[in-house]
Protein backbone atom coordinates (compact mmCIF):
# COMPACT_ATOMS: atom_id res chain seq x y z
CA MET A 1 40.78 170.98 -197.13
CA ARG A 2 39.66 167.58 -198.42
CA THR A 3 40.98 166.19 -201.67
CA ILE A 4 38.71 165.17 -204.52
CA THR A 5 39.47 161.52 -203.69
CA GLU A 6 38.13 161.99 -200.18
CA MET A 7 34.99 163.75 -201.38
CA GLN A 8 34.09 161.30 -204.13
CA PRO A 9 34.57 157.53 -204.16
CA ASN A 10 36.38 155.87 -207.04
CA ILE A 11 33.83 155.08 -209.74
CA THR A 12 34.73 152.75 -212.55
CA ILE A 13 32.98 151.56 -215.66
CA ASP A 14 31.85 148.53 -213.63
CA TYR A 15 29.28 150.70 -211.84
CA LEU A 16 27.27 151.24 -215.02
CA ALA A 17 24.30 148.94 -215.62
CA VAL A 18 25.37 146.96 -218.68
CA LYS A 19 21.83 145.70 -219.33
CA ALA A 20 20.65 149.30 -219.68
CA LEU A 21 23.65 150.20 -221.84
CA ARG A 22 22.82 147.35 -224.21
CA ARG A 23 19.50 149.08 -224.97
CA LEU A 24 21.16 152.30 -226.18
CA PRO A 25 20.77 153.25 -229.85
CA GLY A 26 23.57 151.80 -231.95
CA VAL A 27 24.31 148.83 -229.69
CA THR A 28 23.72 145.66 -231.68
CA ASP A 29 25.64 143.08 -229.63
CA SER A 30 23.39 141.70 -226.89
CA LYS A 31 26.47 140.51 -224.97
CA ALA A 32 28.61 143.63 -225.34
CA GLN A 33 30.49 144.90 -222.31
CA SER A 34 29.98 148.40 -220.91
CA ILE A 35 32.76 150.21 -222.79
CA ASN A 36 31.78 148.57 -226.07
CA CYS A 37 28.16 149.64 -225.56
CA LEU A 38 29.20 153.21 -224.87
CA GLU A 39 31.48 153.22 -227.90
CA ALA A 40 28.70 151.94 -230.19
CA TRP A 41 26.26 154.51 -228.81
CA VAL A 42 28.70 157.38 -229.24
CA ALA A 43 29.48 156.29 -232.81
CA ALA A 44 25.77 155.95 -233.64
CA SER A 45 25.18 159.42 -232.21
CA GLY A 46 27.89 160.92 -234.41
CA GLY A 47 30.27 161.54 -231.52
CA ASP A 48 34.02 161.07 -231.44
CA SER A 49 34.48 157.79 -229.61
CA ASP A 50 38.25 158.23 -229.48
CA THR A 51 37.85 161.45 -227.51
CA LEU A 52 34.96 160.27 -225.35
CA ILE A 53 35.61 156.57 -224.79
CA ARG A 54 39.40 156.27 -224.89
CA PRO A 55 39.85 157.87 -221.44
CA LEU A 56 37.44 155.29 -220.01
CA CYS A 57 39.46 152.50 -221.63
CA ILE A 58 42.63 153.89 -220.07
CA LEU A 59 40.99 154.08 -216.63
CA GLN A 60 39.67 150.54 -217.05
CA GLY A 61 43.19 149.39 -217.89
CA PHE A 62 44.53 151.00 -214.73
CA ARG A 63 41.81 149.38 -212.68
CA SER A 64 42.43 145.99 -214.24
CA THR A 65 46.13 146.14 -213.43
CA GLY A 66 45.56 147.33 -209.87
CA LEU A 67 47.14 150.75 -210.36
CA LEU A 68 44.06 152.57 -209.05
CA ILE A 69 44.10 150.48 -205.89
CA CYS A 70 47.80 151.15 -205.36
CA ALA A 71 47.39 154.86 -205.95
CA ALA A 72 44.42 155.05 -203.58
CA GLY A 73 46.43 153.32 -200.85
CA THR A 74 49.31 155.81 -201.10
CA GLY A 75 47.24 158.97 -200.86
CA MET A 76 48.05 159.81 -204.46
CA PRO A 77 45.11 160.80 -206.65
CA PRO A 78 44.01 157.88 -208.84
């Protein structure tokens, strides 16, 4: 049986089109990065950005420090 890591490639916030995200309702900063755009959109939509965006921030932090790469190389789920 294949693991989820084998079936689906690692996808990070970097794969989202930031230019499209900047056009979402609630995004006012024309130079905002992906996570900031998503957070503004969620807040403008009345959503809980802590619940919805915080996990993405944590994943981005792992990616930035190389922990996802290390985990992927060891066979451990990222």
